[in-house]
Protein backbone atom coordinates (compact mmCIF):
# COMPACT_ATOMS: atom_id res chain seq x y z
CA MET A 1 232.63 -37.53 -48.86
CA ASP A 2 233.63 -35.38 -51.81
CA ALA A 3 236.99 -34.36 -53.21
CA GLY A 4 237.15 -31.39 -50.88
CA THR A 5 236.50 -33.37 -47.68
CA ALA A 6 238.45 -36.56 -48.31
CA THR A 7 240.57 -37.52 -45.31
CA ILE A 8 244.28 -38.20 -45.51
CA GLY A 9 245.01 -41.80 -46.42
CA HIS A 10 241.65 -42.43 -48.08
CA ARG A 11 240.64 -41.89 -51.68
CA PRO A 12 237.18 -40.44 -52.33
CA PRO A 13 234.69 -43.18 -53.18
CA ARG A 14 234.17 -43.90 -56.85
CA SER A 15 230.78 -43.03 -58.27
CA ALA A 16 228.31 -45.86 -58.69
CA ALA A 17 227.52 -47.00 -62.19
CA PRO A 18 224.96 -44.52 -63.56
CA THR A 19 221.69 -45.54 -65.09
CA HIS A 20 221.16 -44.42 -68.66
CA ALA A 21 218.08 -43.44 -70.60
CA ARG A 22 217.78 -43.35 -74.36
CA PRO A 23 220.45 -41.14 -75.91
CA ARG A 24 219.98 -38.01 -77.90
CA GLU A 25 221.14 -38.73 -81.43
CA SER A 26 222.34 -36.81 -84.46
CA VAL A 27 224.42 -37.20 -87.62
CA TYR A 28 227.39 -35.04 -88.57
CA ARG A 29 228.09 -34.92 -92.31
CA PRO A 30 231.63 -33.60 -92.80
CA ARG A 31 232.56 -31.57 -95.82
CA GLY A 32 235.26 -33.54 -97.59
CA GLU A 33 237.22 -36.47 -96.22
CA LEU A 34 237.53 -37.06 -92.50
CA ASP A 35 239.86 -39.49 -90.76
CA LEU A 36 237.72 -39.76 -87.64
CA THR A 37 240.11 -41.83 -85.56
CA ARG A 38 243.27 -39.86 -86.33
CA THR A 39 241.42 -36.58 -85.76
CA VAL A 40 239.49 -37.31 -82.55
CA VAL A 41 241.76 -39.79 -80.79
CA PHE A 42 244.48 -37.12 -80.80
CA GLN A 43 242.60 -35.81 -77.74
CA ARG A 44 243.25 -39.01 -75.77
CA ARG A 45 245.79 -38.77 -72.96
CA GLY A 46 247.31 -42.24 -73.04
CA ALA A 47 245.89 -45.65 -73.87
CA HIS A 48 243.99 -45.88 -70.58
CA ASP A 49 242.53 -42.36 -70.51
CA PRO A 50 239.23 -42.60 -68.57
CA THR A 51 237.78 -39.73 -70.64
CA LEU A 52 238.29 -41.26 -74.11
CA VAL A 53 237.94 -44.91 -75.11
CA VAL A 54 238.07 -46.56 -78.52
CA ASP A 55 235.91 -49.68 -78.65
CA GLY A 56 235.89 -51.31 -82.08
CA HIS A 57 234.47 -48.77 -84.51
CA VAL A 58 233.08 -46.48 -81.79
CA ILE A 59 234.91 -43.61 -80.08
CA TRP A 60 233.55 -42.77 -76.63
CA ARG A 61 234.30 -39.44 -74.97
CA ALA A 62 233.29 -38.28 -71.47
CA SER A 63 233.20 -34.52 -70.86
CA ARG A 64 232.19 -32.00 -68.26
CA THR A 65 230.44 -29.35 -70.31
CA PRO A 66 229.05 -25.94 -69.33
CA GLU A 67 225.66 -27.68 -69.16
CA GLY A 68 226.77 -30.70 -67.12
CA ILE A 69 228.43 -34.07 -67.56
CA ALA A 70 227.98 -35.92 -70.86
CA THR A 71 229.12 -38.95 -72.79
CA LEU A 72 229.42 -38.83 -76.58
CA ALA A 73 229.72 -41.86 -78.87
CA LEU A 74 230.93 -41.34 -82.46
CA ARG A 75 230.73 -43.95 -85.21
CA GLU A 76 231.33 -43.70 -88.93
CA SER A 77 228.47 -44.79 -91.18
CA GLY A 78 227.43 -44.47 -94.79
CA VAL A 79 225.52 -41.26 -94.06
CA GLY A 80 228.24 -39.53 -92.03
CA ILE A 81 229.29 -39.66 -88.39
CA ARG A 82 226.53 -41.04 -86.19
CA LEU A 83 226.43 -39.37 -82.80
CA ALA A 84 224.75 -40.48 -79.58
CA ALA A 85 224.95 -38.59 -76.29
CA TRP A 86 223.86 -39.17 -72.70
CA GLY A 87 223.69 -36.92 -69.66
CA PRO A 88 222.72 -33.31 -68.85
CA GLY A 89 225.32 -31.98 -71.29
CA ALA A 90 224.14 -34.17 -74.19
CA GLY A 91 222.87 -31.24 -76.23
CA TRP A 92 226.14 -29.35 -75.76
CA VAL A 93 228.37 -32.23 -76.91
CA LEU A 94 226.13 -32.88 -79.94
CA ASP A 95 226.38 -29.22 -80.93
CA GLN A 96 230.15 -29.21 -80.34
CA ALA A 97 230.84 -32.57 -82.06
CA PRO A 98 231.61 -31.04 -85.48
CA GLY A 99 234.41 -29.03 -83.83
CA LEU A 100 235.73 -32.19 -82.21
CA CYS A 101 235.75 -33.70 -85.70
CA GLY A 102 237.66 -30.75 -87.16
CA THR A 103 234.92 -28.85 -88.97
CA HIS A 104 236.49 -25.50 -87.97
CA ASP A 105 239.92 -26.53 -89.22
CA ASP A 106 240.91 -24.11 -91.98
CA HIS A 107 243.70 -25.19 -94.33
CA GLY A 108 243.87 -21.61 -95.60
CA ASP A 109 246.70 -21.22 -98.09
CA PHE A 110 248.60 -24.23 -96.75
CA ASP A 111 251.16 -25.39 -99.33
CA ALA A 112 252.23 -28.99 -98.71
CA SER A 113 254.40 -29.00 -101.84
CA ARG A 114 257.22 -27.07 -100.11
CA HIS A 115 258.67 -30.37 -98.85
CA PRO A 116 258.28 -33.85 -100.40
CA LEU A 117 257.64 -35.62 -97.08
CA ILE A 118 254.90 -33.18 -96.12
CA ALA A 119 253.40 -33.41 -99.60
CA SER A 120 253.40 -37.21 -99.40
CA SER A 121 251.84 -37.28 -95.91
CA HIS A 122 249.22 -34.70 -96.90
CA HIS A 123 248.32 -36.82 -99.94
CA ARG A 124 248.09 -40.03 -97.89
CA HIS A 125 246.12 -38.45 -95.04
CA PRO A 126 243.64 -36.04 -96.63
CA GLY A 127 241.17 -36.62 -93.78
CA LEU A 128 243.51 -35.50 -91.00
CA ARG A 129 241.96 -32.48 -89.33
CA LEU A 130 242.78 -30.45 -86.25
CA SER A 131 240.30 -31.24 -83.49
CA ARG A 132 239.07 -28.86 -80.80
CA THR A 133 237.19 -29.52 -77.56
CA ASP A 134 236.21 -25.96 -76.51
CA LEU A 135 236.81 -27.11 -72.91
CA VAL A 136 239.73 -24.95 -71.94
CA PHE A 137 240.35 -25.93 -68.33
CA ASP A 138 240.46 -29.65 -69.08
CA ALA A 139 242.95 -28.94 -71.87
CA LEU A 140 245.05 -26.75 -69.57
CA ALA A 141 245.05 -29.26 -66.71
CA SER A 142 246.05 -32.18 -68.92
CA ALA A 143 248.85 -30.11 -70.47
CA ILE A 144 250.19 -29.19 -67.01
CA PHE A 145 250.24 -32.89 -66.11
CA GLU A 146 252.62 -33.47 -69.02
CA GLN A 147 255.14 -30.77 -68.10
CA LYS A 148 258.73 -32.06 -67.85
CA VAL A 149 257.83 -35.72 -67.23
CA THR A 150 257.51 -38.83 -69.36
CA GLY A 151 254.20 -39.58 -71.04
CA LEU A 152 253.93 -42.71 -68.88
CA GLN A 153 254.07 -40.63 -65.70
CA ALA A 154 251.71 -37.94 -66.95
CA PHE A 155 249.09 -40.28 -68.35
CA GLY A 156 249.14 -42.44 -65.22
CA ALA A 157 248.65 -39.42 -62.96
CA TRP A 158 245.85 -38.09 -65.20
CA ARG A 159 244.07 -41.45 -65.10
CA ARG A 160 244.26 -41.68 -61.32
CA ILE A 161 243.17 -38.12 -60.53
CA VAL A 162 240.27 -38.12 -63.02
CA THR A 163 239.08 -41.52 -61.81
CA TRP A 164 239.36 -40.57 -58.12
CA PHE A 165 237.94 -37.06 -58.31
CA GLY A 166 235.99 -36.93 -61.57
CA GLU A 167 232.41 -38.07 -62.11
CA ARG A 168 231.28 -41.38 -63.56
CA ALA A 169 230.14 -40.86 -67.13
CA PRO A 170 226.58 -41.76 -68.10
CA GLY A 171 225.60 -44.13 -70.89
CA PRO A 172 226.46 -47.71 -71.86
CA THR A 173 230.22 -47.10 -72.03
CA PRO A 174 232.38 -50.16 -72.83
CA ARG A 175 234.23 -49.70 -69.53
CA PRO A 176 233.80 -47.26 -66.63
CA MET A 177 234.59 -43.77 -67.86
CA PHE A 178 234.93 -40.53 -65.95
CA ALA A 179 234.58 -36.83 -66.77
CA PRO A 180 237.22 -34.54 -65.24
CA PRO A 181 236.55 -32.63 -62.01
CA THR A 182 234.92 -29.23 -61.99
CA VAL A 183 237.24 -26.23 -61.80
CA ASP A 184 236.43 -25.85 -58.11
CA GLN A 185 237.07 -29.56 -57.49
CA TRP A 186 240.49 -29.29 -59.15
CA ARG A 187 241.33 -26.56 -56.64
CA ARG A 188 240.22 -28.69 -53.68
CA ILE A 189 242.15 -31.89 -54.48
CA PRO A 190 244.23 -32.57 -51.36
CA SER A 191 248.01 -32.69 -51.47
CA TRP A 192 248.18 -36.37 -50.53
CA ALA A 193 246.14 -37.27 -53.63
CA TRP A 194 248.52 -35.53 -56.01
CA HIS A 195 251.41 -37.37 -54.38
CA ARG A 196 249.68 -40.76 -54.56
CA ALA A 197 248.73 -40.13 -58.18
CA GLY A 198 252.41 -39.60 -59.05
CA LEU A 199 252.29 -35.92 -60.01
CA GLU A 200 255.17 -33.72 -58.89
CA PRO A 201 254.53 -30.63 -56.69
CA PRO A 202 255.32 -28.02 -59.39
CA GLN A 203 252.64 -29.49 -61.65
CA SER A 204 250.03 -29.93 -58.93
CA ARG A 205 250.62 -26.37 -57.69
CA ALA A 206 250.21 -25.03 -61.23
CA VAL A 207 246.85 -26.81 -61.62
CA VAL A 208 245.62 -25.56 -58.25
CA LYS A 209 246.75 -21.98 -58.92
CA ALA A 210 245.07 -22.00 -62.34
CA ALA A 211 241.88 -23.39 -60.77
CA ALA A 212 241.97 -20.61 -58.18
CA HIS A 213 241.25 -18.17 -61.03
CA GLY A 214 238.24 -20.36 -61.80
CA ASP A 215 235.54 -19.23 -64.15
CA SER A 216 237.17 -15.82 -64.72
CA LEU A 217 240.10 -17.54 -66.43
CA VAL A 218 237.84 -19.67 -68.60
CA ARG A 219 235.75 -16.63 -69.49
CA ALA A 220 238.77 -14.50 -70.40
CA LEU A 221 240.20 -17.22 -72.62
CA SER A 222 236.87 -17.87 -74.30
CA GLU A 223 236.37 -14.17 -75.01
CA ALA A 224 239.92 -13.63 -76.32
CA SER A 225 239.91 -12.42 -79.91
CA ASP A 226 242.68 -14.72 -81.17
CA ASN A 227 245.27 -17.28 -80.14
CA THR A 228 247.93 -14.62 -79.60
CA ARG A 229 245.76 -13.08 -76.89
CA ARG A 230 245.02 -16.53 -75.44
CA ASP A 231 248.74 -17.24 -75.28
CA HIS A 232 249.31 -13.97 -73.41
CA ILE A 233 246.60 -14.83 -70.86
CA LEU A 234 247.86 -18.36 -70.32
CA THR A 235 251.53 -17.49 -69.93
CA SER A 236 250.67 -14.81 -67.37
CA LEU A 237 249.66 -17.60 -64.97
CA PRO A 238 252.22 -19.04 -62.51
CA GLY A 239 253.71 -22.28 -63.80
CA ILE A 240 252.42 -21.83 -67.37
CA GLY A 241 255.05 -21.33 -70.05
CA PRO A 242 255.05 -21.37 -73.86
CA TRP A 243 254.95 -25.19 -74.07
CA THR A 244 251.87 -25.54 -71.84
CA SER A 245 250.14 -22.64 -73.58
CA ALA A 246 250.70 -24.20 -77.01
CA GLU A 247 249.50 -27.63 -75.89
CA THR A 248 246.37 -26.08 -74.37
CA ARG A 249 245.56 -24.08 -77.48
CA ILE A 250 246.08 -27.11 -79.73
CA ARG A 251 243.62 -29.21 -77.74
CA ALA A 252 241.01 -26.64 -76.80
CA TRP A 253 240.89 -24.61 -80.03
CA GLY A 254 242.73 -26.61 -82.68
CA ASP A 255 245.32 -23.84 -83.09
CA ALA A 256 246.79 -24.57 -86.53
CA ASP A 257 249.93 -22.51 -85.88
CA ALA A 258 250.85 -23.56 -82.34
CA VAL A 259 254.32 -25.01 -81.80
CA SER A 260 255.20 -26.62 -78.47
CA VAL A 261 258.60 -25.00 -78.00
CA GLY A 262 260.53 -26.66 -75.22
CA ASP A 263 259.28 -30.17 -75.94
CA TYR A 264 261.84 -32.89 -75.19
CA HIS A 265 261.45 -34.63 -78.57
CA LEU A 266 259.68 -32.28 -80.98
CA ALA A 267 262.61 -30.28 -82.37
CA HIS A 268 264.61 -33.48 -82.85
CA GLU A 269 261.75 -35.13 -84.72
CA VAL A 270 261.04 -32.12 -86.94
CA GLY A 271 264.71 -31.70 -87.80
CA HIS A 272 265.16 -35.39 -88.56
CA ALA A 273 262.07 -35.46 -90.79
CA LEU A 274 262.81 -32.27 -92.72
CA ILE A 275 266.60 -32.22 -93.04
CA GLY A 276 267.81 -35.56 -91.73
CA HIS A 277 269.32 -34.59 -88.38
CA ARG A 278 268.47 -33.19 -84.97
CA VAL A 279 268.00 -29.46 -84.43
CA ASP A 280 267.25 -27.23 -81.45
CA ASP A 281 264.10 -25.15 -80.93
CA ASP A 282 265.42 -22.07 -82.75
CA ALA A 283 266.39 -24.10 -85.81
CA MET A 284 263.05 -25.91 -85.71
CA LEU A 285 261.22 -22.58 -85.83
CA GLU A 286 263.33 -21.56 -88.82
CA LEU A 287 262.47 -24.82 -90.59
CA LEU A 288 258.76 -24.31 -89.93
CA ALA A 289 258.75 -20.61 -90.88
CA PRO A 290 257.66 -21.18 -94.52
CA TRP A 291 254.38 -22.57 -93.15
CA ALA A 292 253.66 -19.70 -90.76
CA GLY A 293 250.02 -19.91 -89.75
CA GLN A 294 249.96 -23.66 -90.36
CA ARG A 295 252.94 -24.93 -88.36
CA GLN A 296 250.90 -27.29 -86.15
CA ARG A 297 249.44 -28.85 -89.30
CA VAL A 298 252.96 -29.52 -90.56
CA ILE A 299 253.90 -31.11 -87.22
CA ARG A 300 250.84 -33.37 -87.32
CA LEU A 301 251.55 -34.41 -90.91
CA LEU A 302 255.15 -35.20 -90.03
CA ALA A 303 253.93 -37.36 -87.15
CA ALA A 304 251.49 -39.14 -89.47
CA SER A 305 254.22 -39.74 -92.06
CA GLY A 306 255.77 -42.54 -90.02
CA VAL A 307 259.25 -41.00 -90.32
CA HIS A 308 260.74 -40.84 -86.84
CA GLU A 309 264.21 -40.46 -85.42
CA GLN A 310 265.68 -43.68 -84.11
CA ARG A 311 265.94 -43.42 -80.35
CA ARG A 312 269.46 -43.71 -78.96
CA GLY A 313 270.47 -45.20 -75.63
CA ALA A 314 268.34 -46.63 -72.86
CA ARG A 315 264.83 -45.36 -72.29
CA LEU A 316 264.34 -43.11 -69.28
CA ALA A 317 263.04 -45.09 -66.31
CA PRO A 318 260.84 -42.65 -64.39
CA GLU A 319 261.38 -42.58 -60.65
CA ASP A 320 258.28 -43.35 -58.60
CA HIS A 321 258.08 -41.28 -55.39
CA ARG A 322 254.59 -42.40 -54.33
CA SER A 323 255.74 -44.85 -51.67
CA ARG A 324 257.74 -42.19 -49.84
């Protein structure tokens, strides 16, 4: 029984543990400093993400590539980043691994000296790079999961759906890992599963509608000439606004200028870090304007600085509708 034929009240069976042959191996030698963990683990969706696991000094990532499912293990060594990959998509993830590690990240004319906190964070984190996965639908789906809910809700729903409907990752992973569903499988996930996973109907409908465009959407985004065009394509889809578009572009292509306007916390955090008090989205954009072209880099450096607004009041307790 697959994701498209699962009966109501029953989850699809989990894949059996795959056997694994010897991996394909390679070494990536970054130009300049690289903070591997801070760069790559940015792609993790919560501490229990079944697609990305940190085990000691090794980062494990499960992906569904254009050439098939694959698992990639990354480990720092004296000669660079040692890479090992398993599965039909092993060659693809080895070729893409430099992008995952930020090799395409271009600092351009970025001037950290415009603000002392940014200058300090840039000095302390010279290896922070903007990662990209080049897997657009996975990035889009995970961003939709995070629309207008707490991280706890979004990450829990992501973990459940990927584990129930994804595919068991190959290789000697430290715990069972799963690659996300195919685009067609995303479209066929039944309504009961979204409900049991804890995802609200607007989000599940947005994923299904995006999946209905299938490979044509992925192809159009991949062929787009720049991130402005990608933003136009994404926001033309039902249920996809500026926030989701920015989050998708950050993850899939490492967009150095993307700003997630509409985020519940971001404007408050940027305002607090740069001028000492909360601001709204419009004021945040004004504050970031001097770094046009590199605004996402500024946001990442502010996050790495350790300067955060003190949270006021009780934390939001998300309501769980799954038992209804």
